[in-house]
């Protein structure tokens, strides 16, 4: 699934980004914000206007506004976030 399809509040990990569909400057800005493979993200809010842009994406403790076209370039998988098991397996 792509980041733009992720339900609000669901944690996911970015597994791949199609940097080729983005303008080089935009790709550089997204990388600088930490939106790259391996990042844990969630959708905090969707816009209310036509196209439901922008998306508010939480990355760590930061929230960034992201266009839907950029979120569509990011493949995500649902993250299993919870307590880490301790003790013998």
PDB file of N, CA and C in Angstrom:
ATOM      1  N   UNK A   1       0.852  -1.161   0.000  1.00  0.00           N
ATOM      2  CA  UNK A   1       0.000   0.000   0.000  1.00  0.00           C
ATOM      3  C   UNK A   1       0.901   1.227   0.000  1.00  0.00           C
ATOM      4  N   UNK A   2       0.384   2.335  -0.485  1.00  0.00           N
ATOM      5  CA  UNK A   2       1.151   3.572  -0.478  1.00  0.00           C
ATOM      6  C   UNK A   2       0.738   4.435   0.713  1.00  0.00           C
ATOM      7  N   UNK A   3       1.590   5.379   1.062  1.00  0.00           N
ATOM      8  CA  UNK A   3       1.356   6.205   2.248  1.00  0.00           C
ATOM      9  C   UNK A   3       0.045   6.971   2.176  1.00  0.00           C
ATOM     10  N   UNK A   4      -0.373   7.385   0.993  1.00  0.00           N
ATOM     11  CA  UNK A   4      -1.639   8.123   0.872  1.00  0.00           C
ATOM     12  C   UNK A   4      -2.856   7.255   1.172  1.00  0.00           C
ATOM     13  N   UNK A   5      -2.699   5.927   1.157  1.00  0.00           N
ATOM     14  CA  UNK A   5      -3.805   5.003   1.445  1.00  0.00           C
ATOM     15  C   UNK A   5      -3.861   4.577   2.904  1.00  0.00           C
ATOM     16  N   UNK A   6      -2.854   4.930   3.669  1.00  0.00           N
ATOM     17  CA  UNK A   6      -2.771   4.509   5.065  1.00  0.00           C
ATOM     18  C   UNK A   6      -3.897   5.139   5.890  1.00  0.00           C
ATOM     19  N   UNK A   7      -4.617   4.356   6.687  1.00  0.00           N
ATOM     20  CA  UNK A   7      -5.676   4.916   7.531  1.00  0.00           C
ATOM     21  C   UNK A   7      -5.093   5.870   8.586  1.00  0.00           C
ATOM     22  N   UNK A   8      -5.857   6.864   8.944  1.00  0.00           N
ATOM     23  CA  UNK A   8      -5.434   7.832   9.966  1.00  0.00           C
ATOM     24  C   UNK A   8      -5.143   7.096  11.270  1.00  0.00           C
ATOM     25  N   UNK A   9      -3.989   7.414  11.866  1.00  0.00           N
ATOM     26  CA  UNK A   9      -3.610   6.857  13.153  1.00  0.00           C
ATOM     27  C   UNK A   9      -2.894   5.520  13.106  1.00  0.00           C
ATOM     28  N   UNK A  10      -2.847   4.879  11.951  1.00  0.00           N
ATOM     29  CA  UNK A  10      -2.181   3.574  11.811  1.00  0.00           C
ATOM     30  C   UNK A  10      -0.685   3.785  11.608  1.00  0.00           C
ATOM     31  N   UNK A  11       0.132   3.115  12.410  1.00  0.00           N
ATOM     32  CA  UNK A  11       1.582   3.200  12.249  1.00  0.00           C
ATOM     33  C   UNK A  11       2.024   2.318  11.090  1.00  0.00           C
ATOM     34  N   UNK A  12       3.009   2.816  10.338  1.00  0.00           N
ATOM     35  CA  UNK A  12       3.558   2.056   9.221  1.00  0.00           C
ATOM     36  C   UNK A  12       5.031   2.403   9.064  1.00  0.00           C
ATOM     37  N   UNK A  13       5.725   1.522   8.367  1.00  0.00           N
ATOM     38  CA  UNK A  13       7.133   1.750   8.063  1.00  0.00           C
ATOM     39  C   UNK A  13       7.266   1.918   6.557  1.00  0.00           C
ATOM     40  N   UNK A  14       8.015   2.936   6.134  1.00  0.00           N
ATOM     41  CA  UNK A  14       8.272   3.134   4.709  1.00  0.00           C
ATOM     42  C   UNK A  14       9.246   2.047   4.265  1.00  0.00           C
ATOM     43  N   UNK A  15       8.845   1.269   3.249  1.00  0.00           N
ATOM     44  CA  UNK A  15       9.707   0.189   2.771  1.00  0.00           C
ATOM     45  C   UNK A  15      10.402   0.546   1.459  1.00  0.00           C
ATOM     46  N   UNK A  16       9.836   1.473   0.694  1.00  0.00           N
ATOM     47  CA  UNK A  16      10.456   1.886  -0.567  1.00  0.00           C
ATOM     48  C   UNK A  16       9.888   3.243  -0.984  1.00  0.00           C
ATOM     49  N   UNK A  17      10.726   4.009  -1.667  1.00  0.00           N
ATOM     50  CA  UNK A  17      10.290   5.299  -2.202  1.00  0.00           C
ATOM     51  C   UNK A  17      10.693   5.345  -3.671  1.00  0.00           C
ATOM     52  N   UNK A  18       9.749   5.709  -4.536  1.00  0.00           N
ATOM     53  CA  UNK A  18      10.023   5.858  -5.964  1.00  0.00           C
ATOM     54  C   UNK A  18      10.490   7.292  -6.199  1.00  0.00           C
ATOM     55  N   UNK A  19      11.779   7.532  -5.936  1.00  0.00           N
ATOM     56  CA  UNK A  19      12.324   8.894  -6.046  1.00  0.00           C
ATOM     57  C   UNK A  19      12.239   9.420  -7.474  1.00  0.00           C
ATOM     58  N   UNK A  20      12.172   8.539  -8.466  1.00  0.00           N
ATOM     59  CA  UNK A  20      12.132   8.960  -9.862  1.00  0.00           C
ATOM     60  C   UNK A  20      10.888   9.736 -10.254  1.00  0.00           C
ATOM     61  N   UNK A  21       9.796   9.581  -9.526  1.00  0.00           N
ATOM     62  CA  UNK A  21       8.565  10.305  -9.863  1.00  0.00           C
ATOM     63  C   UNK A  21       8.515  11.691  -9.224  1.00  0.00           C
ATOM     64  N   UNK A  22       9.500  12.012  -8.396  1.00  0.00           N
ATOM     65  CA  UNK A  22       9.527  13.296  -7.702  1.00  0.00           C
ATOM     66  C   UNK A  22      10.582  14.213  -8.305  1.00  0.00           C
ATOM     67  N   UNK A  23      10.324  15.499  -8.247  1.00  0.00           N
ATOM     68  CA  UNK A  23      11.317  16.496  -8.649  1.00  0.00           C
ATOM     69  C   UNK A  23      12.493  16.392  -7.682  1.00  0.00           C
ATOM     70  N   UNK A  24      13.716  16.533  -8.194  1.00  0.00           N
ATOM     71  CA  UNK A  24      14.923  16.334  -7.377  1.00  0.00           C
ATOM     72  C   UNK A  24      14.920  17.171  -6.095  1.00  0.00           C
ATOM     73  N   UNK A  25      14.502  18.426  -6.174  1.00  0.00           N
ATOM     74  CA  UNK A  25      14.483  19.292  -4.990  1.00  0.00           C
ATOM     75  C   UNK A  25      13.474  18.803  -3.957  1.00  0.00           C
ATOM     76  N   UNK A  26      12.332  18.313  -4.439  1.00  0.00           N
ATOM     77  CA  UNK A  26      11.317  17.778  -3.530  1.00  0.00           C
ATOM     78  C   UNK A  26      11.824  16.505  -2.863  1.00  0.00           C
ATOM     79  N   UNK A  27      12.469  15.651  -3.611  1.00  0.00           N
ATOM     80  CA  UNK A  27      13.020  14.406  -3.063  1.00  0.00           C
ATOM     81  C   UNK A  27      14.064  14.721  -1.996  1.00  0.00           C
ATOM     82  N   UNK A  28      14.905  15.708  -2.257  1.00  0.00           N
ATOM     83  CA  UNK A  28      15.935  16.091  -1.290  1.00  0.00           C
ATOM     84  C   UNK A  28      15.300  16.610   0.005  1.00  0.00           C
ATOM     85  N   UNK A  29      14.237  17.417  -0.127  1.00  0.00           N
ATOM     86  CA  UNK A  29      13.554  17.953   1.052  1.00  0.00           C
ATOM     87  C   UNK A  29      12.912  16.833   1.866  1.00  0.00           C
ATOM     88  N   UNK A  30      12.289  15.866   1.201  1.00  0.00           N
ATOM     89  CA  UNK A  30      11.644  14.759   1.906  1.00  0.00           C
ATOM     90  C   UNK A  30      12.666  13.905   2.644  1.00  0.00           C
ATOM     91  N   UNK A  31      13.812  13.670   2.009  1.00  0.00           N
ATOM     92  CA  UNK A  31      14.879  12.923   2.686  1.00  0.00           C
ATOM     93  C   UNK A  31      15.377  13.684   3.910  1.00  0.00           C
ATOM     94  N   UNK A  32      15.528  14.999   3.778  1.00  0.00           N
ATOM     95  CA  UNK A  32      15.999  15.822   4.897  1.00  0.00           C
ATOM     96  C   UNK A  32      15.014  15.787   6.064  1.00  0.00           C
ATOM     97  N   UNK A  33      13.740  15.597   5.770  1.00  0.00           N
ATOM     98  CA  UNK A  33      12.719  15.501   6.815  1.00  0.00           C
ATOM     99  C   UNK A  33      12.623  14.097   7.412  1.00  0.00           C
ATOM    100  N   UNK A  34      13.397  13.162   6.878  1.00  0.00           N
ATOM    101  CA  UNK A  34      13.388  11.804   7.414  1.00  0.00           C
ATOM    102  C   UNK A  34      12.413  10.874   6.735  1.00  0.00           C
ATOM    103  N   UNK A  35      11.801  11.308   5.640  1.00  0.00           N
ATOM    104  CA  UNK A  35      10.845  10.459   4.920  1.00  0.00           C
ATOM    105  C   UNK A  35      11.594   9.615   3.896  1.00  0.00           C
ATOM    106  N   UNK A  36      12.152   8.521   4.362  1.00  0.00           N
ATOM    107  CA  UNK A  36      12.932   7.617   3.526  1.00  0.00           C
ATOM    108  C   UNK A  36      12.679   6.190   4.006  1.00  0.00           C
ATOM    109  N   UNK A  37      13.160   5.233   3.267  1.00  0.00           N
ATOM    110  CA  UNK A  37      12.960   3.827   3.639  1.00  0.00           C
ATOM    111  C   UNK A  37      13.422   3.580   5.069  1.00  0.00           C
ATOM    112  N   UNK A  38      12.590   2.869   5.828  1.00  0.00           N
ATOM    113  CA  UNK A  38      12.894   2.545   7.219  1.00  0.00           C
ATOM    114  C   UNK A  38      12.223   3.458   8.226  1.00  0.00           C
ATOM    115  N   UNK A  39      11.723   4.605   7.794  1.00  0.00           N
ATOM    116  CA  UNK A  39      11.107   5.560   8.722  1.00  0.00           C
ATOM    117  C   UNK A  39       9.738   5.065   9.190  1.00  0.00           C
ATOM    118  N   UNK A  40       9.460   5.257  10.466  1.00  0.00           N
ATOM    119  CA  UNK A  40       8.154   4.935  11.041  1.00  0.00           C
ATOM    120  C   UNK A  40       7.273   6.171  10.906  1.00  0.00           C
ATOM    121  N   UNK A  41       6.119   6.026  10.277  1.00  0.00           N
ATOM    122  CA  UNK A  41       5.239   7.160   9.985  1.00  0.00           C
ATOM    123  C   UNK A  41       3.790   6.819  10.316  1.00  0.00           C
ATOM    124  N   UNK A  42       2.971   7.860  10.391  1.00  0.00           N
ATOM    125  CA  UNK A  42       1.522   7.673  10.481  1.00  0.00           C
ATOM    126  C   UNK A  42       0.855   8.909   9.893  1.00  0.00           C
ATOM    127  N   UNK A  43      -0.381   8.740   9.432  1.00  0.00           N
ATOM    128  CA  UNK A  43      -1.161   9.859   8.914  1.00  0.00           C
ATOM    129  C   UNK A  43      -1.941  10.444  10.083  1.00  0.00           C
ATOM    130  N   UNK A  44      -1.691  11.726  10.380  1.00  0.00           N
ATOM    131  CA  UNK A  44      -2.371  12.385  11.484  1.00  0.00           C
ATOM    132  C   UNK A  44      -3.667  13.062  11.028  1.00  0.00           C
ATOM    133  N   UNK A  45      -3.693  13.523   9.767  1.00  0.00           N
ATOM    134  CA  UNK A  45      -4.849  14.274   9.283  1.00  0.00           C
ATOM    135  C   UNK A  45      -4.809  14.333   7.765  1.00  0.00           C
ATOM    136  N   UNK A  46      -5.986  14.401   7.151  1.00  0.00           N
ATOM    137  CA  UNK A  46      -6.105  14.611   5.706  1.00  0.00           C
ATOM    138  C   UNK A  46      -6.807  15.924   5.476  1.00  0.00           C
ATOM    139  N   UNK A  47      -6.404  16.623   4.407  1.00  0.00           N
ATOM    140  CA  UNK A  47      -7.052  17.884   4.054  1.00  0.00           C
ATOM    141  C   UNK A  47      -8.518  17.674   3.716  1.00  0.00           C
ATOM    142  N   UNK A  48      -9.268  18.760   3.720  1.00  0.00           N
ATOM    143  CA  UNK A  48     -10.705  18.663   3.492  1.00  0.00           C
ATOM    144  C   UNK A  48     -11.117  19.131   2.104  1.00  0.00           C
ATOM    145  N   UNK A  49     -10.186  19.714   1.349  1.00  0.00           N
ATOM    146  CA  UNK A  49     -10.529  20.233   0.034  1.00  0.00           C
ATOM    147  C   UNK A  49     -10.420  19.140  -1.017  1.00  0.00           C
ATOM    148  N   UNK A  50     -10.801  19.471  -2.245  1.00  0.00           N
ATOM    149  CA  UNK A  50     -10.757  18.512  -3.356  1.00  0.00           C
ATOM    150  C   UNK A  50      -9.388  17.836  -3.408  1.00  0.00           C
ATOM    151  N   UNK A  51      -9.379  16.532  -3.533  1.00  0.00           N
ATOM    152  CA  UNK A  51      -8.140  15.779  -3.552  1.00  0.00           C
ATOM    153  C   UNK A  51      -7.617  15.453  -2.168  1.00  0.00           C
ATOM    154  N   UNK A  52      -8.228  16.046  -1.137  1.00  0.00           N
ATOM    155  CA  UNK A  52      -7.874  15.817   0.272  1.00  0.00           C
ATOM    156  C   UNK A  52      -6.393  16.057   0.542  1.00  0.00           C
ATOM    157  N   UNK A  53      -5.870  17.132  -0.069  1.00  0.00           N
ATOM    158  CA  UNK A  53      -4.493  17.569   0.165  1.00  0.00           C
ATOM    159  C   UNK A  53      -4.500  18.704   1.175  1.00  0.00           C
ATOM    160  N   UNK A  54      -3.471  18.914   1.949  1.00  0.00           N
ATOM    161  CA  UNK A  54      -2.328  18.028   2.111  1.00  0.00           C
ATOM    162  C   UNK A  54      -2.603  16.978   3.179  1.00  0.00           C
ATOM    163  N   UNK A  55      -1.660  16.061   3.339  1.00  0.00           N
ATOM    164  CA  UNK A  55      -1.704  15.077   4.418  1.00  0.00           C
ATOM    165  C   UNK A  55      -0.775  15.567   5.518  1.00  0.00           C
ATOM    166  N   UNK A  56      -1.171  15.402   6.762  1.00  0.00           N
ATOM    167  CA  UNK A  56      -0.280  15.672   7.889  1.00  0.00           C
ATOM    168  C   UNK A  56       0.307  14.330   8.296  1.00  0.00           C
ATOM    169  N   UNK A  57       1.617  14.188   8.121  1.00  0.00           N
ATOM    170  CA  UNK A  57       2.316  12.928   8.381  1.00  0.00           C
ATOM    171  C   UNK A  57       3.192  13.087   9.613  1.00  0.00           C
ATOM    172  N   UNK A  58       3.076  12.154  10.539  1.00  0.00           N
ATOM    173  CA  UNK A  58       3.927  12.152  11.719  1.00  0.00           C
ATOM    174  C   UNK A  58       5.138  11.268  11.438  1.00  0.00           C
ATOM    175  N   UNK A  59       6.319  11.858  11.645  1.00  0.00           N
ATOM    176  CA  UNK A  59       7.596  11.146  11.484  1.00  0.00           C
ATOM    177  C   UNK A  59       8.344  11.369  12.787  1.00  0.00           C
ATOM    178  N   UNK A  60       8.460  10.336  13.593  1.00  0.00           N
ATOM    179  CA  UNK A  60       9.063  10.516  14.915  1.00  0.00           C
ATOM    180  C   UNK A  60       8.200  11.463  15.736  1.00  0.00           C
ATOM    181  N   UNK A  61       8.799  12.539  16.251  1.00  0.00           N
ATOM    182  CA  UNK A  61       8.039  13.522  17.037  1.00  0.00           C
ATOM    183  C   UNK A  61       7.652  14.741  16.206  1.00  0.00           C
ATOM    184  N   UNK A  62       7.874  14.673  14.898  1.00  0.00           N
ATOM    185  CA  UNK A  62       7.625  15.794  14.011  1.00  0.00           C
ATOM    186  C   UNK A  62       6.407  15.508  13.138  1.00  0.00           C
ATOM    187  N   UNK A  63       5.633  16.546  12.835  1.00  0.00           N
ATOM    188  CA  UNK A  63       4.516  16.432  11.909  1.00  0.00           C
ATOM    189  C   UNK A  63       4.813  17.318  10.710  1.00  0.00           C
ATOM    190  N   UNK A  64       4.711  16.738   9.508  1.00  0.00           N
ATOM    191  CA  UNK A  64       4.989  17.481   8.286  1.00  0.00           C
ATOM    192  C   UNK A  64       3.797  17.404   7.350  1.00  0.00           C
ATOM    193  N   UNK A  65       3.606  18.477   6.568  1.00  0.00           N
ATOM    194  CA  UNK A  65       2.567  18.492   5.545  1.00  0.00           C
ATOM    195  C   UNK A  65       3.153  17.887   4.280  1.00  0.00           C
ATOM    196  N   UNK A  66       2.386  17.004   3.674  1.00  0.00           N
ATOM    197  CA  UNK A  66       2.874  16.277   2.510  1.00  0.00           C
ATOM    198  C   UNK A  66       1.789  16.236   1.452  1.00  0.00           C
ATOM    199  N   UNK A  67       2.143  16.532   0.217  1.00  0.00           N
ATOM    200  CA  UNK A  67       1.170  16.417  -0.869  1.00  0.00           C
ATOM    201  C   UNK A  67       0.871  14.945  -1.122  1.00  0.00           C
ATOM    202  N   UNK A  68      -0.344  14.693  -1.560  1.00  0.00           N
ATOM    203  CA  UNK A  68      -0.773  13.321  -1.836  1.00  0.00           C
ATOM    204  C   UNK A  68       0.110  12.674  -2.904  1.00  0.00           C
ATOM    205  N   UNK A  69       0.530  13.421  -3.922  1.00  0.00           N
ATOM    206  CA  UNK A  69       1.373  12.868  -4.976  1.00  0.00           C
ATOM    207  C   UNK A  69       2.708  12.377  -4.398  1.00  0.00           C
ATOM    208  N   UNK A  70       3.227  13.051  -3.388  1.00  0.00           N
ATOM    209  CA  UNK A  70       4.468  12.608  -2.747  1.00  0.00           C
ATOM    210  C   UNK A  70       4.212  11.352  -1.918  1.00  0.00           C
ATOM    211  N   UNK A  71       3.109  11.332  -1.184  1.00  0.00           N
ATOM    212  CA  UNK A  71       2.773  10.170  -0.356  1.00  0.00           C
ATOM    213  C   UNK A  71       2.526   8.940  -1.227  1.00  0.00           C
ATOM    214  N   UNK A  72       2.019   9.162  -2.428  1.00  0.00           N
ATOM    215  CA  UNK A  72       1.741   8.052  -3.345  1.00  0.00           C
ATOM    216  C   UNK A  72       3.038   7.393  -3.841  1.00  0.00           C
ATOM    217  N   UNK A  73       4.154   8.092  -3.759  1.00  0.00           N
ATOM    218  CA  UNK A  73       5.444   7.545  -4.202  1.00  0.00           C
ATOM    219  C   UNK A  73       6.095   6.672  -3.131  1.00  0.00           C
ATOM    220  N   UNK A  74       5.477   6.600  -1.933  1.00  0.00           N
ATOM    221  CA  UNK A  74       6.071   5.871  -0.813  1.00  0.00           C
ATOM    222  C   UNK A  74       5.285   4.607  -0.498  1.00  0.00           C
ATOM    223  N   UNK A  75       5.940   3.460  -0.621  1.00  0.00           N
ATOM    224  CA  UNK A  75       5.341   2.178  -0.269  1.00  0.00           C
ATOM    225  C   UNK A  75       5.536   1.948   1.225  1.00  0.00           C
ATOM    226  N   UNK A  76       4.463   1.559   1.914  1.00  0.00           N
ATOM    227  CA  UNK A  76       4.544   1.325   3.354  1.00  0.00           C
ATOM    228  C   UNK A  76       3.997  -0.054   3.700  1.00  0.00           C
ATOM    229  N   UNK A  77       4.415  -0.544   4.851  1.00  0.00           N
ATOM    230  CA  UNK A  77       3.821  -1.760   5.416  1.00  0.00           C
ATOM    231  C   UNK A  77       3.421  -1.435   6.844  1.00  0.00           C
ATOM    232  N   UNK A  78       2.320  -2.033   7.280  1.00  0.00           N
ATOM    233  CA  UNK A  78       1.837  -1.770   8.628  1.00  0.00           C
ATOM    234  C   UNK A  78       2.890  -2.169   9.639  1.00  0.00           C
ATOM    235  N   UNK A  79       3.064  -1.342  10.646  1.00  0.00           N
ATOM    236  CA  UNK A  79       4.079  -1.590  11.672  1.00  0.00           C
ATOM    237  C   UNK A  79       3.438  -2.227  12.881  1.00  0.00           C
ATOM    238  N   UNK A  80       4.135  -3.144  13.467  1.00  0.00           N
ATOM    239  CA  UNK A  80       3.704  -3.764  14.717  1.00  0.00           C
ATOM    240  C   UNK A  80       4.401  -3.006  15.833  1.00  0.00           C
ATOM    241  N   UNK A  81       3.707  -2.032  16.379  1.00  0.00           N
ATOM    242  CA  UNK A  81       4.285  -1.231  17.454  1.00  0.00           C
ATOM    243  C   UNK A  81       3.634  -1.647  18.748  1.00  0.00           C
ATOM    244  N   UNK A  82       4.438  -1.979  19.725  1.00  0.00           N
ATOM    245  CA  UNK A  82       3.901  -2.410  20.997  1.00  0.00           C
ATOM    246  C   UNK A  82       5.036  -2.831  21.905  1.00  0.00           C
ATOM    247  N   UNK A  83       4.715  -3.453  23.012  1.00  0.00           N
ATOM    248  CA  UNK A  83       5.772  -3.875  23.938  1.00  0.00           C
ATOM    249  C   UNK A  83       6.677  -4.932  23.309  1.00  0.00           C
ATOM    250  N   UNK A  84       7.944  -4.811  23.609  1.00  0.00           N
ATOM    251  CA  UNK A  84       8.925  -5.794  23.122  1.00  0.00           C
ATOM    252  C   UNK A  84       8.932  -6.958  24.094  1.00  0.00           C
ATOM    253  N   UNK A  85       8.743  -8.195  23.593  1.00  0.00           N
ATOM    254  CA  UNK A  85       8.733  -9.351  24.500  1.00  0.00           C
ATOM    255  C   UNK A  85      10.091  -9.541  25.156  1.00  0.00           C
ATOM    256  N   UNK A  86      10.066  -9.936  26.425  1.00  0.00           N
ATOM    257  CA  UNK A  86      11.293 -10.164  27.174  1.00  0.00           C
ATOM    258  C   UNK A  86      11.272 -11.590  27.719  1.00  0.00           C
ATOM    259  N   UNK A  87      12.441 -12.160  27.839  1.00  0.00           N
ATOM    260  CA  UNK A  87      12.512 -13.498  28.409  1.00  0.00           C
ATOM    261  C   UNK A  87      12.801 -14.549  27.361  1.00  0.00           C
ATOM    262  N   UNK A  88      12.818 -15.805  27.787  1.00  0.00           N
ATOM    263  CA  UNK A  88      13.142 -16.892  26.854  1.00  0.00           C
ATOM    264  C   UNK A  88      12.064 -17.050  25.790  1.00  0.00           C
ATOM    265  N   UNK A  89      12.506 -17.391  24.618  1.00  0.00           N
ATOM    266  CA  UNK A  89      11.567 -17.558  23.500  1.00  0.00           C
ATOM    267  C   UNK A  89      10.957 -18.923  23.468  1.00  0.00           C
TER     268      UNK A  89
END
